[in-house]
Structures are given as C-alpha cells and as structure tokens.
Amino acid sequence: MTPAATGQLERLASVADPLEPLTRLPGVAADADAVREALTRVHNHRANRRGWPSTAAEASVRAARASASLDGGSAELPAEGPVTDPVLAGSLRVAEALGGLLAAWRSAPRQALARLHVLAAADLPGITDDDLGRPRRDPGVGERLDALAGLVTGGTGVPAPVLVAVVHGELLALAPFPAATGVVARAAARLTAVGTGLDPKGLAVPEVGHYRAAGEYGEAAAAFATGDPEGLARWFAHCAQAWQVGAREGLGIADAAGG
C-alpha cells in the first residue's frame, strides 16, 4: 500500500464524526438513499413478511458462492457429498455463522473478525493454526483495526450504506490476515448491514453485484485504498451499485418463493 493509503481513518479522526466528510463526496448521499430505497422494497415484498427465513437462507448461500468466486474459488455446490473447494467451503462456513456473530460484531468487532478468519481460512493451503484469526503484526495494522472497531461500535453517525462501504473497503485495503481477505471483508460488510438495520434480515445479495462487476470491484477497491477523494467516491459508487443489484437479486429470490 502507498503512504497515502495508510491510515485513511486516522487522518479523518480529528473530525467530530470521522466519516462525515465522506458524505459530502459527489454522489455519496444520493447513492445511500438509493440503496436504502432498494432494500426497503425487498423487505416489503409479500414473501418476506413471514417467509423471510427461507429467502434469507437462499440469499446467504448465493452470497457465499459469489464471495468465494471473487477470491478465486468455485461457486458450484456439489450435487452430493461435501464441498471440496477450500475457498467455497470457508465462505459457506462464514455465511452459516454470521447470525451468531452479530452480537460480537456490535460489541467486539475485532473478536468477530478473528472468528470470521478462522472459518474462512481453515482449509486454505499454506495456512497454519498459528495464522488463523491472528492479524498481521505489521506497523499500523492493529491501530487501523482499532479505528475501524470504534466506528462499528458507535463512533460515527453516517448513513448505514456509507459505513458498510468503509468497513468493506478498509478491510480489503488493510488485508489484516494472511489469506481470505475478500471473504472476511464481504462478510464484515454484510454484518454491518444487518447490525445497522440497513438489511436487518440479510435479504439482499450485494456479493452478486460485486461479482458481476468484478473488474470494477478490484479497481474501485484499489482506488479507495489511495485515500484520494476521487478514489473514495469511486468505491462508494461501486458499492451502491452492487447493493442495488443485490436488492434485485433479493427480489428475485422472494418472487421465486411466492407470496
């Protein structure tokens, strides 16, 4: 990472709300409103009023498959037998565990991140038990994780879509663990969306939106890591589009469920 990228959150820390300046970037406020409106439509779908546990379960599996693909794994579930692709297996474990990690994410995000990494990376080649759940000890990693945890636990009042994008982008940029960075970052973004009430039942599949624009996803994440206003705005625009695609995916799941 470049020096400009290091400590983006620290550079904003002198502001009363460290993320508030981000809401004044071009398009960010309007995109946040569009994401919330799209997700409201998903949650108001007739099939999701009572049958949301089944649609949420389907959304979770689709999210895990798309997330695995973005990290170079397979998206294909075997017709029978266990999942053998280690990236997909880890992504599915993460998806299954998210509900149980919500309380930890709200109160002790670093603990939740460690657990996400254990689940995501357990089968990956070259990863030892000592690697699992332990952030890199490089200078600044711990401080940036602490800064991020402070935001998640109430350190900002920005619209939820902005916080979700920051959590996602900062974890991709920081890459605090030796592997499974993407799966962990996307799961943390999903937890943030649920925890903030943006997508409280986990009905959307933004991972599909990221996957369908995989090239832009990587380029926008790299732009976020620079810390430049233009790069930040590009990342937020990409995330907003991915969440709207994910909302349409959620509507498709609800339509198929009937109601």
C-alpha atoms as a PDB file:
ATOM      1  CA  MET A   1       0.000   0.000   0.000  1.00  0.00           C
ATOM      2  CA  THR A   2       1.122   3.561  -0.662  1.00  0.00           C
ATOM      3  CA  PRO A   3       1.847   6.035   2.168  1.00  0.00           C
ATOM      4  CA  ALA A   4      -1.260   7.946   1.080  1.00  0.00           C
ATOM      5  CA  ALA A   5      -3.371   4.881   1.710  1.00  0.00           C
ATOM      6  CA  THR A   6      -2.018   4.212   5.183  1.00  0.00           C
ATOM      7  CA  GLY A   7      -4.173   5.479   7.973  1.00  0.00           C
ATOM      8  CA  GLN A   8      -7.038   6.969   5.987  1.00  0.00           C
ATOM      9  CA  LEU A   9      -9.236   6.588   9.043  1.00  0.00           C
ATOM     10  CA  GLU A  10      -6.610   8.184  11.273  1.00  0.00           C
ATOM     11  CA  ARG A  11      -6.498  11.236   9.007  1.00  0.00           C
ATOM     12  CA  LEU A  12     -10.212  11.676   9.473  1.00  0.00           C
ATOM     13  CA  ALA A  13     -10.072  11.116  13.235  1.00  0.00           C
ATOM     14  CA  SER A  14      -9.717  14.808  14.078  1.00  0.00           C
ATOM     15  CA  VAL A  15     -13.247  15.427  12.806  1.00  0.00           C
ATOM     16  CA  ALA A  16     -16.063  15.137  15.358  1.00  0.00           C
ATOM     17  CA  ASP A  17     -17.581  12.389  13.244  1.00  0.00           C
ATOM     18  CA  PRO A  18     -14.604  10.933  11.384  1.00  0.00           C
ATOM     19  CA  LEU A  19     -16.674   9.701   8.443  1.00  0.00           C
ATOM     20  CA  GLU A  20     -18.919  12.733   7.995  1.00  0.00           C
ATOM     21  CA  PRO A  21     -16.665  14.290   5.316  1.00  0.00           C
ATOM     22  CA  LEU A  22     -17.267  11.236   3.159  1.00  0.00           C
ATOM     23  CA  THR A  23     -20.963  12.033   2.913  1.00  0.00           C
ATOM     24  CA  ARG A  24     -20.064  15.255   1.101  1.00  0.00           C
ATOM     25  CA  LEU A  25     -18.248  13.475  -1.708  1.00  0.00           C
ATOM     26  CA  PRO A  26     -20.070  13.696  -5.073  1.00  0.00           C
ATOM     27  CA  GLY A  27     -22.957  11.257  -5.324  1.00  0.00           C
ATOM     28  CA  VAL A  28     -22.490   9.590  -1.939  1.00  0.00           C
ATOM     29  CA  ALA A  29     -25.609  10.933  -0.215  1.00  0.00           C
ATOM     30  CA  ALA A  30     -27.855  10.243  -3.223  1.00  0.00           C
ATOM     31  CA  ASP A  31     -26.419   6.753  -3.628  1.00  0.00           C
ATOM     32  CA  ALA A  32     -27.012   6.000   0.050  1.00  0.00           C
ATOM     33  CA  ASP A  33     -30.668   6.985  -0.351  1.00  0.00           C
ATOM     34  CA  ALA A  34     -30.988   4.791  -3.445  1.00  0.00           C
ATOM     35  CA  VAL A  35     -29.575   1.787  -1.597  1.00  0.00           C
ATOM     36  CA  ARG A  36     -31.970   2.234   1.307  1.00  0.00           C
ATOM     37  CA  GLU A  37     -34.947   2.564  -1.031  1.00  0.00           C
ATOM     38  CA  ALA A  38     -33.945  -0.590  -2.912  1.00  0.00           C
ATOM     39  CA  LEU A  39     -33.599  -2.579   0.294  1.00  0.00           C
ATOM     40  CA  THR A  40     -36.915  -1.302   1.608  1.00  0.00           C
ATOM     41  CA  ARG A  41     -38.590  -2.798  -1.436  1.00  0.00           C
ATOM     42  CA  VAL A  42     -37.003  -6.165  -0.716  1.00  0.00           C
ATOM     43  CA  HIS A  43     -38.111  -6.168   2.901  1.00  0.00           C
ATOM     44  CA  ASN A  44     -41.632  -5.097   1.933  1.00  0.00           C
ATOM     45  CA  HIS A  45     -42.067  -7.956  -0.529  1.00  0.00           C
ATOM     46  CA  ARG A  46     -45.004 -10.153   0.462  1.00  0.00           C
ATOM     47  CA  ALA A  47     -42.875 -13.290   0.562  1.00  0.00           C
ATOM     48  CA  ASN A  48     -40.539 -11.654   3.068  1.00  0.00           C
ATOM     49  CA  ARG A  49     -43.165 -10.621   5.583  1.00  0.00           C
ATOM     50  CA  ARG A  50     -43.428 -14.087   7.093  1.00  0.00           C
ATOM     51  CA  GLY A  51     -41.315 -16.325   4.920  1.00  0.00           C
ATOM     52  CA  TRP A  52     -38.110 -14.319   5.222  1.00  0.00           C
ATOM     53  CA  PRO A  53     -36.071 -17.048   6.993  1.00  0.00           C
ATOM     54  CA  SER A  54     -36.133 -19.190   3.842  1.00  0.00           C
ATOM     55  CA  THR A  55     -35.394 -16.308   1.486  1.00  0.00           C
ATOM     56  CA  ALA A  56     -32.623 -15.089   3.784  1.00  0.00           C
ATOM     57  CA  ALA A  57     -31.116 -18.580   3.775  1.00  0.00           C
ATOM     58  CA  GLU A  58     -31.104 -18.636  -0.022  1.00  0.00           C
ATOM     59  CA  ALA A  59     -29.570 -15.144  -0.115  1.00  0.00           C
ATOM     60  CA  SER A  60     -26.862 -16.305   2.285  1.00  0.00           C
ATOM     61  CA  VAL A  61     -25.884 -19.254   0.099  1.00  0.00           C
ATOM     62  CA  ARG A  62     -25.798 -17.106  -3.040  1.00  0.00           C
ATOM     63  CA  ALA A  63     -23.686 -14.563  -1.178  1.00  0.00           C
ATOM     64  CA  ALA A  64     -21.219 -17.254  -0.108  1.00  0.00           C
ATOM     65  CA  ARG A  65     -20.890 -18.627  -3.643  1.00  0.00           C
ATOM     66  CA  ALA A  66     -20.306 -15.202  -5.186  1.00  0.00           C
ATOM     67  CA  SER A  67     -17.860 -14.245  -2.452  1.00  0.00           C
ATOM     68  CA  ALA A  68     -15.878 -17.442  -2.972  1.00  0.00           C
ATOM     69  CA  SER A  69     -15.699 -16.773  -6.714  1.00  0.00           C
ATOM     70  CA  LEU A  70     -14.324 -13.303  -6.102  1.00  0.00           C
ATOM     71  CA  ASP A  71     -11.497 -14.860  -4.086  1.00  0.00           C
ATOM     72  CA  GLY A  72     -10.692 -17.366  -6.804  1.00  0.00           C
ATOM     73  CA  GLY A  73     -12.767 -20.257  -5.502  1.00  0.00           C
ATOM     74  CA  SER A  74     -15.560 -22.267  -7.044  1.00  0.00           C
ATOM     75  CA  ALA A  75     -19.185 -21.169  -6.980  1.00  0.00           C
ATOM     76  CA  GLU A  76     -20.517 -24.645  -7.742  1.00  0.00           C
ATOM     77  CA  LEU A  77     -22.138 -26.689  -4.996  1.00  0.00           C
ATOM     78  CA  PRO A  78     -21.654 -30.443  -5.463  1.00  0.00           C
ATOM     79  CA  ALA A  79     -24.757 -32.475  -6.270  1.00  0.00           C
ATOM     80  CA  GLU A  80     -23.887 -34.679  -3.337  1.00  0.00           C
ATOM     81  CA  GLY A  81     -21.124 -35.038  -0.812  1.00  0.00           C
ATOM     82  CA  PRO A  82     -19.046 -32.372   0.920  1.00  0.00           C
ATOM     83  CA  VAL A  83     -17.744 -29.181  -0.630  1.00  0.00           C
ATOM     84  CA  THR A  84     -14.136 -29.813  -1.583  1.00  0.00           C
ATOM     85  CA  ASP A  85     -13.108 -26.371  -2.807  1.00  0.00           C
ATOM     86  CA  PRO A  86     -11.424 -24.795   0.254  1.00  0.00           C
ATOM     87  CA  VAL A  87     -12.413 -21.223  -0.589  1.00  0.00           C
ATOM     88  CA  LEU A  88     -16.064 -22.109  -1.108  1.00  0.00           C
ATOM     89  CA  ALA A  89     -16.109 -24.308   1.997  1.00  0.00           C
ATOM     90  CA  GLY A  90     -14.771 -21.441   4.068  1.00  0.00           C
ATOM     91  CA  SER A  91     -17.185 -18.946   2.550  1.00  0.00           C
ATOM     92  CA  LEU A  92     -20.121 -21.221   3.326  1.00  0.00           C
ATOM     93  CA  ARG A  93     -18.951 -21.656   6.926  1.00  0.00           C
ATOM     94  CA  VAL A  94     -18.745 -17.903   7.268  1.00  0.00           C
ATOM     95  CA  ALA A  95     -22.243 -17.442   5.856  1.00  0.00           C
ATOM     96  CA  GLU A  96     -23.689 -20.002   8.246  1.00  0.00           C
ATOM     97  CA  ALA A  97     -22.043 -18.360  11.250  1.00  0.00           C
ATOM     98  CA  LEU A  98     -22.962 -14.719  10.598  1.00  0.00           C
ATOM     99  CA  GLY A  99     -26.157 -14.695  12.640  1.00  0.00           C
ATOM    100  CA  GLY A 100     -24.331 -15.968  15.687  1.00  0.00           C
ATOM    101  CA  LEU A 101     -21.597 -13.361  15.293  1.00  0.00           C
ATOM    102  CA  LEU A 102     -23.866 -10.329  15.175  1.00  0.00           C
ATOM    103  CA  ALA A 103     -23.678  -9.603  18.917  1.00  0.00           C
ATOM    104  CA  ALA A 104     -19.890  -9.847  18.874  1.00  0.00           C
ATOM    105  CA  TRP A 105     -19.712  -7.610  15.816  1.00  0.00           C
ATOM    106  CA  ARG A 106     -21.702  -4.934  17.604  1.00  0.00           C
ATOM    107  CA  SER A 107     -19.633  -5.027  20.794  1.00  0.00           C
ATOM    108  CA  ALA A 108     -16.245  -6.559  19.947  1.00  0.00           C
ATOM    109  CA  PRO A 109     -15.639  -6.338  16.188  1.00  0.00           C
ATOM    110  CA  ARG A 110     -12.041  -7.486  16.338  1.00  0.00           C
ATOM    111  CA  GLN A 111     -13.115 -10.681  18.064  1.00  0.00           C
ATOM    112  CA  ALA A 112     -15.730 -11.244  15.359  1.00  0.00           C
ATOM    113  CA  LEU A 113     -13.172 -10.602  12.609  1.00  0.00           C
ATOM    114  CA  ALA A 114     -10.845 -13.172  14.128  1.00  0.00           C
ATOM    115  CA  ARG A 115     -13.619 -15.750  14.139  1.00  0.00           C
ATOM    116  CA  LEU A 116     -14.533 -14.933  10.540  1.00  0.00           C
ATOM    117  CA  HIS A 117     -10.956 -15.540   9.517  1.00  0.00           C
ATOM    118  CA  VAL A 118     -10.788 -18.871  11.339  1.00  0.00           C
ATOM    119  CA  LEU A 119     -13.911 -20.004   9.495  1.00  0.00           C
ATOM    120  CA  ALA A 120     -12.869 -18.667   6.101  1.00  0.00           C
ATOM    121  CA  ALA A 121      -9.240 -19.792   6.061  1.00  0.00           C
ATOM    122  CA  ALA A 122      -9.210 -23.094   7.965  1.00  0.00           C
ATOM    123  CA  ASP A 123      -8.859 -25.252   4.829  1.00  0.00           C
ATOM    124  CA  LEU A 124      -6.662 -22.987   2.737  1.00  0.00           C
ATOM    125  CA  PRO A 125      -3.274 -24.375   1.708  1.00  0.00           C
ATOM    126  CA  GLY A 126      -0.298 -22.897   3.497  1.00  0.00           C
ATOM    127  CA  ILE A 127      -2.343 -21.609   6.425  1.00  0.00           C
ATOM    128  CA  THR A 128      -1.265 -22.900   9.823  1.00  0.00           C
ATOM    129  CA  ASP A 129      -3.160 -22.912  13.095  1.00  0.00           C
ATOM    130  CA  ASP A 130      -0.986 -20.009  14.222  1.00  0.00           C
ATOM    131  CA  ASP A 131      -2.203 -17.948  11.265  1.00  0.00           C
ATOM    132  CA  LEU A 132      -5.900 -18.408  11.949  1.00  0.00           C
ATOM    133  CA  GLY A 133      -7.629 -15.398  13.439  1.00  0.00           C
ATOM    134  CA  ARG A 134      -4.402 -13.514  14.071  1.00  0.00           C
ATOM    135  CA  PRO A 135      -3.891 -10.176  12.320  1.00  0.00           C
ATOM    136  CA  ARG A 136      -0.531  -9.324  10.824  1.00  0.00           C
ATOM    137  CA  ARG A 137       1.867  -7.616  13.227  1.00  0.00           C
ATOM    138  CA  ASP A 138       2.995  -5.059  10.691  1.00  0.00           C
ATOM    139  CA  PRO A 139       3.106  -1.448  11.927  1.00  0.00           C
ATOM    140  CA  GLY A 140      -0.275   0.237  11.885  1.00  0.00           C
ATOM    141  CA  VAL A 141      -2.412  -2.863  11.385  1.00  0.00           C
ATOM    142  CA  GLY A 142      -3.622  -3.052  14.977  1.00  0.00           C
ATOM    143  CA  GLU A 143      -4.245   0.678  15.149  1.00  0.00           C
ATOM    144  CA  ARG A 144      -6.320   0.665  11.977  1.00  0.00           C
ATOM    145  CA  LEU A 145      -8.344  -2.310  13.168  1.00  0.00           C
ATOM    146  CA  ASP A 146      -8.990  -0.464  16.430  1.00  0.00           C
ATOM    147  CA  ALA A 147     -10.104   2.618  14.486  1.00  0.00           C
ATOM    148  CA  LEU A 148     -12.455   0.510  12.405  1.00  0.00           C
ATOM    149  CA  ALA A 149     -13.835  -1.207  15.502  1.00  0.00           C
ATOM    150  CA  GLY A 150     -14.526   2.193  17.025  1.00  0.00           C
ATOM    151  CA  LEU A 151     -16.601   3.177  14.016  1.00  0.00           C
ATOM    152  CA  VAL A 152     -18.599  -0.064  14.089  1.00  0.00           C
ATOM    153  CA  THR A 153     -19.367   0.296  17.794  1.00  0.00           C
ATOM    154  CA  GLY A 154     -20.883   3.755  17.540  1.00  0.00           C
ATOM    155  CA  GLY A 155     -18.098   6.092  16.528  1.00  0.00           C
ATOM    156  CA  THR A 156     -19.962   7.531  13.550  1.00  0.00           C
ATOM    157  CA  GLY A 157     -23.457   8.603  12.601  1.00  0.00           C
ATOM    158  CA  VAL A 158     -23.119   8.474   8.822  1.00  0.00           C
ATOM    159  CA  PRO A 159     -25.790   6.697   6.765  1.00  0.00           C
ATOM    160  CA  ALA A 160     -25.507   2.940   7.016  1.00  0.00           C
ATOM    161  CA  PRO A 161     -24.540   2.411   3.352  1.00  0.00           C
ATOM    162  CA  VAL A 162     -21.504   4.642   3.896  1.00  0.00           C
ATOM    163  CA  LEU A 163     -20.369   2.732   6.984  1.00  0.00           C
ATOM    164  CA  VAL A 164     -20.886  -0.588   5.201  1.00  0.00           C
ATOM    165  CA  ALA A 165     -18.708   0.578   2.315  1.00  0.00           C
ATOM    166  CA  VAL A 166     -16.000   1.865   4.666  1.00  0.00           C
ATOM    167  CA  VAL A 167     -15.849  -1.414   6.591  1.00  0.00           C
ATOM    168  CA  HIS A 168     -15.620  -3.356   3.336  1.00  0.00           C
ATOM    169  CA  GLY A 169     -13.067  -1.080   1.691  1.00  0.00           C
ATOM    170  CA  GLU A 170     -10.838  -0.661   4.727  1.00  0.00           C
ATOM    171  CA  LEU A 171     -10.576  -4.402   5.311  1.00  0.00           C
ATOM    172  CA  LEU A 172      -9.721  -5.003   1.655  1.00  0.00           C
ATOM    173  CA  ALA A 173      -7.101  -2.257   1.777  1.00  0.00           C
ATOM    174  CA  LEU A 174      -5.603  -3.322   5.088  1.00  0.00           C
ATOM    175  CA  ALA A 175      -5.679  -7.085   4.415  1.00  0.00           C
ATOM    176  CA  PRO A 176      -5.127  -7.783   8.119  1.00  0.00           C
ATOM    177  CA  PHE A 177      -4.925 -11.564   7.709  1.00  0.00           C
ATOM    178  CA  PRO A 178      -2.576 -13.635   5.532  1.00  0.00           C
ATOM    179  CA  ALA A 179      -5.395 -15.092   3.417  1.00  0.00           C
ATOM    180  CA  ALA A 180      -9.173 -14.962   2.838  1.00  0.00           C
ATOM    181  CA  THR A 181      -9.152 -11.164   2.888  1.00  0.00           C
ATOM    182  CA  GLY A 182     -12.054 -10.802   0.488  1.00  0.00           C
ATOM    183  CA  VAL A 183     -14.342 -13.352   2.106  1.00  0.00           C
ATOM    184  CA  VAL A 184     -13.753 -11.757   5.516  1.00  0.00           C
ATOM    185  CA  ALA A 185     -14.250  -8.204   4.230  1.00  0.00           C
ATOM    186  CA  ARG A 186     -17.502  -9.015   2.442  1.00  0.00           C
ATOM    187  CA  ALA A 187     -18.813 -10.898   5.469  1.00  0.00           C
ATOM    188  CA  ALA A 188     -17.968  -7.946   7.712  1.00  0.00           C
ATOM    189  CA  ALA A 189     -19.818  -5.630   5.330  1.00  0.00           C
ATOM    190  CA  ARG A 190     -22.805  -7.970   5.476  1.00  0.00           C
ATOM    191  CA  LEU A 191     -22.696  -7.990   9.285  1.00  0.00           C
ATOM    192  CA  THR A 192     -22.580  -4.200   9.273  1.00  0.00           C
ATOM    193  CA  ALA A 193     -25.621  -4.010   7.012  1.00  0.00           C
ATOM    194  CA  VAL A 194     -27.558  -6.302   9.330  1.00  0.00           C
ATOM    195  CA  GLY A 195     -26.333  -4.640  12.516  1.00  0.00           C
ATOM    196  CA  THR A 196     -27.138  -1.101  11.373  1.00  0.00           C
ATOM    197  CA  GLY A 197     -30.619  -2.077  10.219  1.00  0.00           C
ATOM    198  CA  LEU A 198     -29.810  -1.384   6.576  1.00  0.00           C
ATOM    199  CA  ASP A 199     -30.589  -5.008   5.680  1.00  0.00           C
ATOM    200  CA  PRO A 200     -31.660  -6.409   9.057  1.00  0.00           C
ATOM    201  CA  LYS A 201     -32.763  -9.805   7.756  1.00  0.00           C
ATOM    202  CA  GLY A 202     -29.945 -10.273   5.265  1.00  0.00           C
ATOM    203  CA  LEU A 203     -32.220 -10.490   2.229  1.00  0.00           C
ATOM    204  CA  ALA A 204     -30.006  -8.784  -0.337  1.00  0.00           C
ATOM    205  CA  VAL A 205     -27.031 -10.317  -2.140  1.00  0.00           C
ATOM    206  CA  PRO A 206     -24.572  -7.480  -2.838  1.00  0.00           C
ATOM    207  CA  GLU A 207     -21.853 -10.072  -3.369  1.00  0.00           C
ATOM    208  CA  VAL A 208     -23.547 -10.890  -6.672  1.00  0.00           C
ATOM    209  CA  GLY A 209     -23.304  -7.223  -7.601  1.00  0.00           C
ATOM    210  CA  HIS A 210     -19.590  -7.211  -6.837  1.00  0.00           C
ATOM    211  CA  TYR A 211     -19.107 -10.443  -8.769  1.00  0.00           C
ATOM    212  CA  ARG A 212     -20.926  -9.210 -11.885  1.00  0.00           C
ATOM    213  CA  ALA A 213     -18.653  -6.160 -11.943  1.00  0.00           C
ATOM    214  CA  ALA A 214     -15.548  -7.961 -10.712  1.00  0.00           C
ATOM    215  CA  GLY A 215     -13.134  -5.825 -12.711  1.00  0.00           C
ATOM    216  CA  GLU A 216     -14.572  -2.579 -11.403  1.00  0.00           C
ATOM    217  CA  TYR A 217     -14.751  -4.086  -7.914  1.00  0.00           C
ATOM    218  CA  GLY A 218     -10.996  -4.604  -7.851  1.00  0.00           C
ATOM    219  CA  GLU A 219     -10.197  -1.248  -9.410  1.00  0.00           C
ATOM    220  CA  ALA A 220     -12.583   0.649  -7.143  1.00  0.00           C
ATOM    221  CA  ALA A 221     -11.173  -1.080  -4.057  1.00  0.00           C
ATOM    222  CA  ALA A 222      -7.672  -0.065  -5.131  1.00  0.00           C
ATOM    223  CA  ALA A 223      -8.926   3.489  -5.641  1.00  0.00           C
ATOM    224  CA  PHE A 224     -10.387   3.516  -2.119  1.00  0.00           C
ATOM    225  CA  ALA A 225      -7.031   2.401  -0.729  1.00  0.00           C
ATOM    226  CA  THR A 226      -5.322   5.515  -2.094  1.00  0.00           C
ATOM    227  CA  GLY A 227      -7.386   7.705   0.211  1.00  0.00           C
ATOM    228  CA  ASP A 228      -7.924  10.254  -2.564  1.00  0.00           C
ATOM    229  CA  PRO A 229     -11.401  11.826  -2.715  1.00  0.00           C
ATOM    230  CA  GLU A 230     -11.915  10.633  -6.273  1.00  0.00           C
ATOM    231  CA  GLY A 231     -10.944   7.115  -5.300  1.00  0.00           C
ATOM    232  CA  LEU A 232     -13.220   7.121  -2.286  1.00  0.00           C
ATOM    233  CA  ALA A 233     -16.133   8.384  -4.378  1.00  0.00           C
ATOM    234  CA  ARG A 234     -15.492   5.672  -6.977  1.00  0.00           C
ATOM    235  CA  TRP A 235     -15.605   2.970  -4.293  1.00  0.00           C
ATOM    236  CA  PHE A 236     -18.836   4.293  -2.798  1.00  0.00           C
ATOM    237  CA  ALA A 237     -20.435   4.459  -6.246  1.00  0.00           C
ATOM    238  CA  HIS A 238     -19.442   0.860  -6.947  1.00  0.00           C
ATOM    239  CA  CYS A 239     -20.740  -0.346  -3.584  1.00  0.00           C
ATOM    240  CA  ALA A 240     -24.024   1.480  -4.058  1.00  0.00           C
ATOM    241  CA  GLN A 241     -24.492  -0.157  -7.443  1.00  0.00           C
ATOM    242  CA  ALA A 242     -23.608  -3.591  -6.032  1.00  0.00           C
ATOM    243  CA  TRP A 243     -26.143  -3.218  -3.238  1.00  0.00           C
ATOM    244  CA  GLN A 244     -28.837  -2.222  -5.705  1.00  0.00           C
ATOM    245  CA  VAL A 245     -28.004  -5.271  -7.831  1.00  0.00           C
ATOM    246  CA  GLY A 246     -28.083  -7.298  -4.639  1.00  0.00           C
ATOM    247  CA  ALA A 247     -31.503  -5.909  -3.800  1.00  0.00           C
ATOM    248  CA  ARG A 248     -32.800  -7.003  -7.202  1.00  0.00           C
ATOM    249  CA  GLU A 249     -31.319 -10.436  -6.549  1.00  0.00           C
ATOM    250  CA  GLY A 250     -33.217 -10.490  -3.265  1.00  0.00           C
ATOM    251  CA  LEU A 251     -36.423  -9.549  -5.018  1.00  0.00           C
ATOM    252  CA  GLY A 252     -35.880 -12.399  -7.456  1.00  0.00           C
ATOM    253  CA  ILE A 253     -35.489 -14.826  -4.557  1.00  0.00           C
ATOM    254  CA  ALA A 254     -38.692 -13.517  -2.986  1.00  0.00           C
ATOM    255  CA  ASP A 255     -40.564 -13.758  -6.288  1.00  0.00           C
ATOM    256  CA  ALA A 256     -39.500 -17.355  -6.665  1.00  0.00           C
ATOM    257  CA  ALA A 257     -40.656 -18.087  -3.126  1.00  0.00           C
ATOM    258  CA  GLY A 258     -44.135 -16.797  -3.957  1.00  0.00           C
ATOM    259  CA  GLY A 259     -46.449 -14.855  -1.735  1.00  0.00           C
END
